[in-house]
C-alpha atoms as a PDB file:
ATOM      1  CA  MET A   1      -2.639   2.234  -5.882  1.00  0.00           C
ATOM      2  CA  ARG A   2      -2.555  -1.441  -6.599  1.00  0.00           C
ATOM      3  CA  SER A   3      -1.476  -4.237  -3.969  1.00  0.00           C
ATOM      4  CA  MET A   4       0.523  -7.088  -5.339  1.00  0.00           C
ATOM      5  CA  THR A   5      -1.898  -9.354  -3.522  1.00  0.00           C
ATOM      6  CA  GLY A   6      -5.189 -10.247  -5.747  1.00  0.00           C
ATOM      7  CA  TYR A   7      -7.189 -13.261  -6.651  1.00  0.00           C
ATOM      8  CA  SER A   8      -9.585 -14.084  -9.266  1.00  0.00           C
ATOM      9  CA  LYS A   9     -11.518 -16.992 -10.545  1.00  0.00           C
ATOM     10  CA  LEU A  10     -13.451 -17.224 -13.951  1.00  0.00           C
ATOM     11  CA  ASN A  11     -15.804 -20.167 -14.955  1.00  0.00           C
ATOM     12  CA  TYR A  12     -17.293 -20.291 -18.426  1.00  0.00           C
ATOM     13  CA  GLU A  13     -19.285 -22.957 -20.567  1.00  0.00           C
ATOM     14  CA  ASP A  14     -21.301 -22.781 -23.520  1.00  0.00           C
ATOM     15  CA  GLU A  15     -22.395 -25.425 -26.446  1.00  0.00           C
ATOM     16  CA  ASN A  16     -18.724 -25.540 -27.560  1.00  0.00           C
ATOM     17  CA  TYR A  17     -16.251 -25.057 -24.511  1.00  0.00           C
ATOM     18  CA  VAL A  18     -16.050 -25.523 -20.853  1.00  0.00           C
ATOM     19  CA  ILE A  19     -12.976 -23.233 -19.131  1.00  0.00           C
ATOM     20  CA  SER A  20     -11.715 -22.550 -15.945  1.00  0.00           C
ATOM     21  CA  MET A  21      -9.516 -19.869 -15.320  1.00  0.00           C
ATOM     22  CA  GLU A  22      -7.616 -18.693 -11.663  1.00  0.00           C
ATOM     23  CA  ILE A  23      -4.977 -16.072 -11.240  1.00  0.00           C
ATOM     24  CA  LYS A  24      -3.701 -15.199  -7.792  1.00  0.00           C
ATOM     25  CA  SER A  25      -0.385 -12.993  -6.785  1.00  0.00           C
ATOM     26  CA  VAL A  26       1.861 -12.182  -3.871  1.00  0.00           C
ATOM     27  CA  ASN A  27       4.420  -9.663  -3.642  1.00  0.00           C
ATOM     28  CA  ASN A  28       7.496  -9.979  -5.559  1.00  0.00           C
ATOM     29  CA  LYS A  29      10.350  -7.033  -6.326  1.00  0.00           C
ATOM     30  CA  ASN A  30      10.125  -8.148 -10.316  1.00  0.00           C
ATOM     31  CA  LEU A  31       7.241  -9.835 -12.379  1.00  0.00           C
ATOM     32  CA  THR A  32       7.465 -13.625 -12.068  1.00  0.00           C
ATOM     33  CA  THR A  33       4.797 -15.417 -13.700  1.00  0.00           C
ATOM     34  CA  LYS A  34       3.944 -19.412 -13.448  1.00  0.00           C
ATOM     35  CA  VAL A  35       1.612 -20.521 -15.889  1.00  0.00           C
ATOM     36  CA  LYS A  36      -0.360 -24.050 -16.335  1.00  0.00           C
ATOM     37  CA  LEU A  37      -1.939 -25.097 -19.271  1.00  0.00           C
ATOM     38  CA  PRO A  38      -3.419 -28.136 -21.013  1.00  0.00           C
ATOM     39  CA  TYR A  39      -1.695 -29.638 -23.823  1.00  0.00           C
ATOM     40  CA  ASN A  40      -4.477 -28.167 -26.393  1.00  0.00           C
ATOM     41  CA  LEU A  41      -3.226 -24.667 -25.203  1.00  0.00           C
ATOM     42  CA  SER A  42       0.313 -25.071 -24.694  1.00  0.00           C
ATOM     43  CA  LEU A  43       0.804 -23.291 -28.261  1.00  0.00           C
ATOM     44  CA  LEU A  44      -0.708 -19.999 -26.209  1.00  0.00           C
ATOM     45  CA  GLU A  45       1.647 -19.807 -23.525  1.00  0.00           C
ATOM     46  CA  ASN A  46       3.649 -16.623 -24.972  1.00  0.00           C
ATOM     47  CA  TYR A  47       0.628 -15.098 -25.702  1.00  0.00           C
ATOM     48  CA  ILE A  48      -1.494 -15.492 -22.454  1.00  0.00           C
ATOM     49  CA  ARG A  49       2.370 -14.608 -20.355  1.00  0.00           C
ATOM     50  CA  ALA A  50       2.272 -11.166 -22.873  1.00  0.00           C
ATOM     51  CA  GLU A  51      -1.264 -10.598 -21.672  1.00  0.00           C
ATOM     52  CA  ILE A  52      -0.731 -10.989 -18.221  1.00  0.00           C
ATOM     53  CA  ALA A  53       2.438  -8.502 -18.272  1.00  0.00           C
ATOM     54  CA  SER A  54       0.494  -5.885 -20.283  1.00  0.00           C
ATOM     55  CA  PHE A  55      -1.808  -5.692 -16.995  1.00  0.00           C
ATOM     56  CA  ILE A  56       0.967  -6.282 -14.092  1.00  0.00           C
ATOM     57  CA  SER A  57       4.044  -4.998 -13.844  1.00  0.00           C
ATOM     58  CA  ARG A  58       5.174  -6.216 -10.448  1.00  0.00           C
ATOM     59  CA  GLY A  59       4.369  -9.457  -8.314  1.00  0.00           C
ATOM     60  CA  SER A  60       4.376 -13.141  -8.371  1.00  0.00           C
ATOM     61  CA  ILE A  61       1.871 -14.706 -10.341  1.00  0.00           C
ATOM     62  CA  ASP A  62       0.432 -18.007 -10.749  1.00  0.00           C
ATOM     63  CA  PHE A  63      -2.016 -18.720 -13.495  1.00  0.00           C
ATOM     64  CA  ARG A  64      -3.853 -21.892 -14.631  1.00  0.00           C
ATOM     65  CA  ILE A  65      -6.291 -22.892 -17.259  1.00  0.00           C
ATOM     66  CA  GLU A  66      -8.648 -26.119 -17.196  1.00  0.00           C
ATOM     67  CA  PHE A  67      -9.851 -26.251 -21.042  1.00  0.00           C
ATOM     68  CA  GLU A  68     -12.220 -28.331 -22.753  1.00  0.00           C
ATOM     69  CA  ASP A  69     -13.576 -28.423 -26.251  1.00  0.00           C
ATOM     70  CA  LYS A  70     -16.515 -30.526 -26.355  1.00  0.00           C
ATOM     71  CA  ASN A  71     -16.194 -30.727 -30.309  1.00  0.00           C
ATOM     72  CA  GLU A  72     -13.431 -32.550 -29.898  1.00  0.00           C
ATOM     73  CA  ASN A  73     -14.369 -35.447 -27.436  1.00  0.00           C
ATOM     74  CA  LEU A  74     -15.320 -38.194 -29.819  1.00  0.00           C
ATOM     75  CA  LYS A  75     -13.118 -37.167 -32.868  1.00  0.00           C
ATOM     76  CA  SER A  76     -10.076 -37.680 -30.343  1.00  0.00           C
ATOM     77  CA  LEU A  77     -10.315 -41.575 -30.245  1.00  0.00           C
ATOM     78  CA  LYS A  78      -9.125 -43.714 -33.137  1.00  0.00           C
ATOM     79  CA  TYR A  79      -8.894 -47.407 -33.364  1.00  0.00           C
ATOM     80  CA  ASP A  80      -5.825 -49.303 -34.581  1.00  0.00           C
ATOM     81  CA  GLU A  81      -7.694 -51.786 -36.754  1.00  0.00           C
ATOM     82  CA  ASP A  82      -4.332 -53.906 -37.677  1.00  0.00           C
ATOM     83  CA  LEU A  83      -3.339 -53.952 -34.075  1.00  0.00           C
ATOM     84  CA  ALA A  84      -6.577 -55.385 -33.176  1.00  0.00           C
ATOM     85  CA  LYS A  85      -6.688 -58.113 -35.463  1.00  0.00           C
ATOM     86  CA  SER A  86      -2.697 -59.238 -34.692  1.00  0.00           C
ATOM     87  CA  CYS A  87      -3.642 -59.125 -31.240  1.00  0.00           C
ATOM     88  CA  MET A  88      -6.973 -61.060 -31.686  1.00  0.00           C
ATOM     89  CA  GLN A  89      -5.231 -63.746 -33.885  1.00  0.00           C
ATOM     90  CA  ILE A  90      -2.518 -64.139 -31.196  1.00  0.00           C
ATOM     91  CA  LEU A  91      -5.552 -64.660 -28.447  1.00  0.00           C
ATOM     92  CA  ASN A  92      -7.116 -67.296 -30.600  1.00  0.00           C
ATOM     93  CA  LYS A  93      -3.888 -69.265 -31.228  1.00  0.00           C
ATOM     94  CA  MET A  94      -3.428 -69.093 -27.311  1.00  0.00           C
ATOM     95  CA  GLU A  95      -6.674 -70.692 -26.676  1.00  0.00           C
ATOM     96  CA  GLU A  96      -5.983 -73.538 -29.242  1.00  0.00           C
ATOM     97  CA  ASP A  97      -2.714 -74.017 -27.728  1.00  0.00           C
ATOM     98  CA  PHE A  98      -3.791 -74.035 -23.885  1.00  0.00           C
ATOM     99  CA  ASN A  99      -7.041 -75.253 -24.388  1.00  0.00           C
ATOM    100  CA  GLU A 100      -8.608 -72.800 -22.573  1.00  0.00           C
ATOM    101  CA  LYS A 101     -11.154 -70.101 -23.382  1.00  0.00           C
ATOM    102  CA  PHE A 102     -11.038 -66.170 -22.533  1.00  0.00           C
ATOM    103  CA  SER A 103     -13.749 -65.137 -20.943  1.00  0.00           C
ATOM    104  CA  ASN A 104     -13.934 -61.811 -22.691  1.00  0.00           C
ATOM    105  CA  LYS A 105     -11.324 -61.495 -25.419  1.00  0.00           C
ATOM    106  CA  LEU A 106     -12.404 -58.085 -26.521  1.00  0.00           C
ATOM    107  CA  ASP A 107     -12.512 -56.734 -23.200  1.00  0.00           C
ATOM    108  CA  PHE A 108      -9.018 -57.883 -22.604  1.00  0.00           C
ATOM    109  CA  LEU A 109      -7.913 -56.702 -25.957  1.00  0.00           C
ATOM    110  CA  VAL A 110      -9.172 -52.947 -24.983  1.00  0.00           C
ATOM    111  CA  ARG A 111      -7.563 -53.026 -21.776  1.00  0.00           C
ATOM    112  CA  ASN A 112      -4.193 -54.401 -22.661  1.00  0.00           C
ATOM    113  CA  PHE A 113      -3.196 -53.663 -26.102  1.00  0.00           C
ATOM    114  CA  GLY A 114      -4.273 -50.119 -26.561  1.00  0.00           C
ATOM    115  CA  VAL A 115      -6.065 -50.860 -29.702  1.00  0.00           C
ATOM    116  CA  ILE A 116      -8.021 -47.490 -29.074  1.00  0.00           C
ATOM    117  CA  SER A 117      -6.231 -44.396 -28.228  1.00  0.00           C
ATOM    118  CA  GLN A 118      -6.243 -40.501 -28.400  1.00  0.00           C
ATOM    119  CA  LYS A 119      -5.287 -38.669 -31.501  1.00  0.00           C
ATOM    120  CA  ASP A 120      -2.612 -36.317 -31.949  1.00  0.00           C
ATOM    121  CA  LEU A 121      -5.192 -33.602 -33.030  1.00  0.00           C
ATOM    122  CA  ASP A 122      -3.800 -30.470 -34.678  1.00  0.00           C
ATOM    123  CA  THR A 123      -5.107 -27.634 -32.319  1.00  0.00           C
ATOM    124  CA  ASP A 124      -6.950 -24.557 -33.783  1.00  0.00           C
ATOM    125  CA  GLU A 125      -4.597 -22.020 -32.354  1.00  0.00           C
ATOM    126  CA  GLU A 126      -6.614 -18.919 -33.585  1.00  0.00           C
ATOM    127  CA  LYS A 127      -9.866 -20.569 -32.560  1.00  0.00           C
ATOM    128  CA  TYR A 128      -8.878 -21.201 -29.080  1.00  0.00           C
ATOM    129  CA  LYS A 129      -6.828 -17.948 -28.799  1.00  0.00           C
ATOM    130  CA  GLU A 130     -10.264 -15.882 -29.677  1.00  0.00           C
ATOM    131  CA  ILE A 131     -12.068 -17.633 -27.016  1.00  0.00           C
ATOM    132  CA  ILE A 132      -9.219 -17.534 -24.371  1.00  0.00           C
ATOM    133  CA  SER A 133      -8.226 -14.108 -25.137  1.00  0.00           C
ATOM    134  CA  LEU A 134     -11.842 -13.039 -24.105  1.00  0.00           C
ATOM    135  CA  LYS A 135     -12.073 -14.674 -20.840  1.00  0.00           C
ATOM    136  CA  LEU A 136      -8.642 -13.997 -20.181  1.00  0.00           C
ATOM    137  CA  ARG A 137      -9.226 -10.398 -20.352  1.00  0.00           C
ATOM    138  CA  GLU A 138     -12.595 -10.439 -18.257  1.00  0.00           C
ATOM    139  CA  LEU A 139     -10.314 -12.467 -15.336  1.00  0.00           C
ATOM    140  CA  LEU A 140      -8.044  -9.998 -15.713  1.00  0.00           C
ATOM    141  CA  GLN A 141     -10.106  -7.234 -15.228  1.00  0.00           C
ATOM    142  CA  ASP A 142     -11.460  -8.550 -11.934  1.00  0.00           C
ATOM    143  CA  PHE A 143      -8.019  -9.586 -11.108  1.00  0.00           C
ATOM    144  CA  ILE A 144      -6.886  -6.019 -11.230  1.00  0.00           C
ATOM    145  CA  LYS A 145     -10.233  -4.693  -9.140  1.00  0.00           C
ATOM    146  CA  THR A 146      -9.343  -7.021  -6.290  1.00  0.00           C
ATOM    147  CA  LYS A 147      -5.784  -5.392  -6.270  1.00  0.00           C
ATOM    148  CA  VAL A 148      -6.942  -1.883  -6.331  1.00  0.00           C
ATOM    149  CA  GLU A 149      -9.452  -2.679  -3.582  1.00  0.00           C
ATOM    150  CA  GLU A 150      -6.647  -4.036  -1.259  1.00  0.00           C
ATOM    151  CA  GLY A 151      -4.376  -0.885  -2.361  1.00  0.00           C
ATOM    152  CA  ASN A 152      -6.959   1.280  -1.650  1.00  0.00           C
ATOM    153  CA  ARG A 153      -7.174  -0.145   2.073  1.00  0.00           C
ATOM    154  CA  LEU A 154      -3.705   0.162   2.401  1.00  0.00           C
ATOM    155  CA  ARG A 155      -3.766   4.203   0.818  1.00  0.00           C
ATOM    156  CA  ILE A 156      -5.528   4.497   4.100  1.00  0.00           C
ATOM    157  CA  PHE A 157      -3.221   3.403   6.164  1.00  0.00           C
ATOM    158  CA  PHE A 158      -0.260   5.453   4.769  1.00  0.00           C
ATOM    159  CA  LYS A 159      -1.946   8.363   4.930  1.00  0.00           C
ATOM    160  CA  GLU A 160      -2.627   7.703   8.458  1.00  0.00           C
ATOM    161  CA  GLN A 161       0.777   6.842   9.359  1.00  0.00           C
ATOM    162  CA  LEU A 162       2.099   9.993   7.370  1.00  0.00           C
ATOM    163  CA  ASN A 163       0.045  12.346   9.395  1.00  0.00           C
ATOM    164  CA  ILE A 164       1.844  10.777  12.452  1.00  0.00           C
ATOM    165  CA  LEU A 165       5.315  11.403  11.116  1.00  0.00           C
ATOM    166  CA  LYS A 166       4.211  14.789  10.607  1.00  0.00           C
ATOM    167  CA  SER A 167       2.865  15.457  13.989  1.00  0.00           C
ATOM    168  CA  LYS A 168       6.625  13.831  15.183  1.00  0.00           C
ATOM    169  CA  VAL A 169       8.531  16.369  13.033  1.00  0.00           C
ATOM    170  CA  GLU A 170       6.382  19.522  14.355  1.00  0.00           C
ATOM    171  CA  GLU A 171       7.317  18.510  17.904  1.00  0.00           C
ATOM    172  CA  VAL A 172      10.625  18.252  17.143  1.00  0.00           C
ATOM    173  CA  LYS A 173      10.451  21.892  15.620  1.00  0.00           C
ATOM    174  CA  LYS A 174       9.066  22.956  18.753  1.00  0.00           C
ATOM    175  CA  LEU A 175      12.031  21.668  20.788  1.00  0.00           C
ATOM    176  CA  LYS A 176      14.823  22.410  18.520  1.00  0.00           C
ATOM    177  CA  PRO A 177      15.379  26.182  19.824  1.00  0.00           C
ATOM    178  CA  GLN A 178      15.965  24.299  23.367  1.00  0.00           C
ATOM    179  CA  VAL A 179      18.645  22.563  22.260  1.00  0.00           C
ATOM    180  CA  VAL A 180      21.004  25.457  21.885  1.00  0.00           C
ATOM    181  CA  GLU A 181      19.570  27.289  25.007  1.00  0.00           C
ATOM    182  CA  ASN A 182      20.025  24.406  27.199  1.00  0.00           C
ATOM    183  CA  TYR A 183      23.882  23.965  25.899  1.00  0.00           C
ATOM    184  CA  ARG A 184      24.300  27.448  26.791  1.00  0.00           C
ATOM    185  CA  GLU A 185      22.839  27.313  30.122  1.00  0.00           C
ATOM    186  CA  ARG A 186      25.071  24.298  31.089  1.00  0.00           C
ATOM    187  CA  LEU A 187      28.188  25.867  29.682  1.00  0.00           C
ATOM    188  CA  LEU A 188      27.470  28.812  31.901  1.00  0.00           C
ATOM    189  CA  VAL A 189      26.983  26.834  34.936  1.00  0.00           C
ATOM    190  CA  ASN A 190      30.012  25.071  34.200  1.00  0.00           C
ATOM    191  CA  VAL A 191      31.990  28.530  33.394  1.00  0.00           C
ATOM    192  CA  ASN A 192      30.756  29.871  36.493  1.00  0.00           C
ATOM    193  CA  SER A 193      32.050  26.491  38.554  1.00  0.00           C
ATOM    194  CA  VAL A 194      35.294  27.355  37.579  1.00  0.00           C
ATOM    195  CA  LYS A 195      36.168  30.932  36.594  1.00  0.00           C
ATOM    196  CA  ALA A 196      37.747  31.752  39.885  1.00  0.00           C
ATOM    197  CA  ASP A 197      40.719  29.628  38.610  1.00  0.00           C
ATOM    198  CA  ILE A 198      40.661  30.259  34.849  1.00  0.00           C
ATOM    199  CA  ASP A 199      40.422  33.330  33.015  1.00  0.00           C
ATOM    200  CA  PHE A 200      37.397  33.197  30.417  1.00  0.00           C
ATOM    201  CA  LYS A 201      36.964  36.036  27.547  1.00  0.00           C
ATOM    202  CA  GLU A 202      32.963  36.383  26.814  1.00  0.00           C
ATOM    203  CA  GLU A 203      33.690  35.972  22.836  1.00  0.00           C
ATOM    204  CA  ASP A 204      35.277  32.524  23.615  1.00  0.00           C
ATOM    205  CA  ILE A 205      32.124  31.312  25.396  1.00  0.00           C
ATOM    206  CA  LEU A 206      29.956  32.780  22.568  1.00  0.00           C
ATOM    207  CA  LYS A 207      32.126  31.292  19.911  1.00  0.00           C
ATOM    208  CA  GLU A 208      31.600  27.807  21.579  1.00  0.00           C
ATOM    209  CA  ILE A 209      27.925  28.279  21.469  1.00  0.00           C
ATOM    210  CA  LEU A 210      27.982  29.006  17.866  1.00  0.00           C
ATOM    211  CA  LEU A 211      30.073  26.130  17.083  1.00  0.00           C
ATOM    212  CA  PHE A 212      27.965  23.876  19.009  1.00  0.00           C
ATOM    213  CA  SER A 213      24.535  25.521  17.471  1.00  0.00           C
ATOM    214  CA  ASP A 214      26.203  24.897  14.071  1.00  0.00           C
ATOM    215  CA  ARG A 215      26.746  21.135  14.915  1.00  0.00           C
ATOM    216  CA  VAL A 216      23.590  20.209  16.192  1.00  0.00           C
ATOM    217  CA  ASP A 217      21.523  22.272  13.630  1.00  0.00           C
ATOM    218  CA  ILE A 218      18.966  20.178  12.263  1.00  0.00           C
ATOM    219  CA  THR A 219      16.793  22.940   9.869  1.00  0.00           C
ATOM    220  CA  GLU A 220      18.148  20.817   6.836  1.00  0.00           C
ATOM    221  CA  GLU A 221      16.907  17.623   7.937  1.00  0.00           C
ATOM    222  CA  VAL A 222      13.559  19.050   9.073  1.00  0.00           C
ATOM    223  CA  SER A 223      13.193  20.842   5.612  1.00  0.00           C
ATOM    224  CA  ARG A 224      14.097  17.525   3.451  1.00  0.00           C
ATOM    225  CA  LEU A 225      11.621  15.666   5.736  1.00  0.00           C
ATOM    226  CA  GLU A 226       8.733  17.958   4.930  1.00  0.00           C
ATOM    227  CA  SER A 227       9.755  17.712   1.321  1.00  0.00           C
ATOM    228  CA  HIS A 228       9.464  14.051   1.492  1.00  0.00           C
ATOM    229  CA  PHE A 229       6.449  14.403   3.298  1.00  0.00           C
ATOM    230  CA  LYS A 230       4.856  16.210   0.343  1.00  0.00           C
ATOM    231  CA  GLN A 231       6.154  13.553  -1.959  1.00  0.00           C
ATOM    232  CA  LEU A 232       4.556  10.940  -0.287  1.00  0.00           C
ATOM    233  CA  GLU A 233       1.151  12.783  -0.211  1.00  0.00           C
ATOM    234  CA  TYR A 234       1.250  13.132  -4.194  1.00  0.00           C
ATOM    235  CA  GLU A 235       1.947   9.742  -4.597  1.00  0.00           C
ATOM    236  CA  PHE A 236      -0.649   8.587  -2.085  1.00  0.00           C
ATOM    237  CA  ASN A 237      -3.302  10.315  -3.784  1.00  0.00           C
ATOM    238  CA  ALA A 238      -2.228   9.632  -7.344  1.00  0.00           C
ATOM    239  CA  ASP A 239      -3.719   7.115  -9.523  1.00  0.00           C
ATOM    240  CA  LYS A 240      -1.179   5.331 -10.902  1.00  0.00           C
ATOM    241  CA  ASP A 241      -0.178   1.465 -11.909  1.00  0.00           C
ATOM    242  CA  SER A 242       3.073   1.249 -10.583  1.00  0.00           C
ATOM    243  CA  GLN A 243       4.092   3.084  -7.549  1.00  0.00           C
ATOM    244  CA  GLY A 244       5.877   0.924  -4.917  1.00  0.00           C
ATOM    245  CA  LYS A 245       9.422   1.229  -6.063  1.00  0.00           C
ATOM    246  CA  LYS A 246       9.548   4.989  -6.196  1.00  0.00           C
ATOM    247  CA  ILE A 247       7.661   5.029  -2.623  1.00  0.00           C
ATOM    248  CA  GLU A 248      10.190   2.748  -1.294  1.00  0.00           C
ATOM    249  CA  PHE A 249      13.229   5.060  -2.359  1.00  0.00           C
ATOM    250  CA  ILE A 250      11.681   7.942  -0.943  1.00  0.00           C
ATOM    251  CA  PHE A 251      11.085   5.876   2.814  1.00  0.00           C
ATOM    252  CA  GLN A 252      14.717   5.331   2.764  1.00  0.00           C
ATOM    253  CA  GLU A 253      15.284   8.827   2.310  1.00  0.00           C
ATOM    254  CA  ILE A 254      13.033   9.671   5.453  1.00  0.00           C
ATOM    255  CA  PHE A 255      14.894   6.912   7.245  1.00  0.00           C
ATOM    256  CA  ARG A 256      18.206   8.426   6.416  1.00  0.00           C
ATOM    257  CA  GLU A 257      17.034  11.983   7.750  1.00  0.00           C
ATOM    258  CA  PHE A 258      15.860  10.961  10.748  1.00  0.00           C
ATOM    259  CA  ASN A 259      18.744   9.070  11.647  1.00  0.00           C
ATOM    260  CA  THR A 260      21.354  12.207  10.807  1.00  0.00           C
ATOM    261  CA  MET A 261      18.748  13.996  13.130  1.00  0.00           C
ATOM    262  CA  GLY A 262      18.908  11.510  15.672  1.00  0.00           C
ATOM    263  CA  VAL A 263      22.723  12.046  15.762  1.00  0.00           C
ATOM    264  CA  LYS A 264      22.954  15.629  15.530  1.00  0.00           C
ATOM    265  CA  SER A 265      19.591  16.682  18.187  1.00  0.00           C
ATOM    266  CA  ASN A 266      22.030  16.243  21.372  1.00  0.00           C
ATOM    267  CA  MET A 267      18.570  16.065  23.164  1.00  0.00           C
ATOM    268  CA  TYR A 268      16.672  13.315  24.637  1.00  0.00           C
ATOM    269  CA  GLU A 269      12.959  14.632  23.855  1.00  0.00           C
ATOM    270  CA  ILE A 270      14.103  15.072  20.267  1.00  0.00           C
ATOM    271  CA  SER A 271      15.765  11.598  19.961  1.00  0.00           C
ATOM    272  CA  LYS A 272      12.860  10.153  21.445  1.00  0.00           C
ATOM    273  CA  LEU A 273      10.507  11.495  18.781  1.00  0.00           C
ATOM    274  CA  VAL A 274      13.008  10.121  16.119  1.00  0.00           C
ATOM    275  CA  VAL A 275      12.615   6.604  17.637  1.00  0.00           C
ATOM    276  CA  GLU A 276       9.224   6.960  17.858  1.00  0.00           C
ATOM    277  CA  GLY A 277       8.830   8.558  14.000  1.00  0.00           C
ATOM    278  CA  LYS A 278      11.060   5.459  12.565  1.00  0.00           C
ATOM    279  CA  ASN A 279       8.987   3.028  14.583  1.00  0.00           C
ATOM    280  CA  GLU A 280       6.165   4.484  12.723  1.00  0.00           C
ATOM    281  CA  LEU A 281       7.691   4.406   9.264  1.00  0.00           C
ATOM    282  CA  GLU A 282       9.163   1.206   9.819  1.00  0.00           C
ATOM    283  CA  LYS A 283       5.264  -0.121   9.589  1.00  0.00           C
ATOM    284  CA  MET A 284       4.847   1.892   6.645  1.00  0.00           C
ATOM    285  CA  ARG A 285       8.066   0.070   4.825  1.00  0.00           C
ATOM    286  CA  GLU A 286       6.568  -3.209   5.761  1.00  0.00           C
ATOM    287  CA  GLN A 287       3.447  -2.573   3.725  1.00  0.00           C
ATOM    288  CA  ILE A 288       4.951  -1.161   0.896  1.00  0.00           C
ATOM    289  CA  MET A 289       6.429  -4.403   0.253  1.00  0.00           C
ATOM    290  CA  ASN A 290       2.797  -5.285  -1.007  1.00  0.00           C
ATOM    291  CA  ILE A 291       2.279  -2.019  -3.609  1.00  0.00           C
ATOM    292  CA  GLU A 292       2.756  -2.739  -7.220  1.00  0.00           C
END
């Protein structure tokens, strides 16, 4: 079980490269990835997105890289000799025309005319991909570790909540026989209060009790809830990468069974247990939104 919330950072430096990577995520129904790259790694964007998707199935991902190739620092500058000579001729001519001297023509030339600029270098994609791939995998492995740690904390919470739901249903099962018995007693009291005026047959009373018993019978709901609880136990104990959507669906089914039980039970004590169970389930539904 993995949380959709995670964070990891990696810093690396050797004689050739300085690399800083950061990845973080929050919950999302699907996988969305924002990638921020320096210009010299832009050709690797599709590769990086695919690599992230191979590790992660759901969540909103923010990923960034800062990258420096030490070997390109000096090679990246170029000097436009023709432009420099043309600009210097103009500056000299201006000095003659205005009979004024520039304090530092070279400084003025470099600052204002762009005679020194950065080359458009051909990126060595395979060379960069090799080092980025290695470090990206290190980052993602640590990232997954943080997601698993958070997921395990949520697993403990879910198991505790599931035990509470089980206890609520066990209490309902104990109260279930009383529903019909309470109705039978109320019905007999009502019949006895008016039997002097109306002739009742015993089979009519029995038929009414049987009809009521069928209307309020929650045996199927209890059975389905217990089946869903077993499914949840399996999911909470399984080590799978993506479980959130399946567990969300099981929660929906449990909520539906609780609702039906509450409508059919016709007994305050059971209705109270149903409300309490739905409250505990809602706590679980809020947290399952964070599971991948």
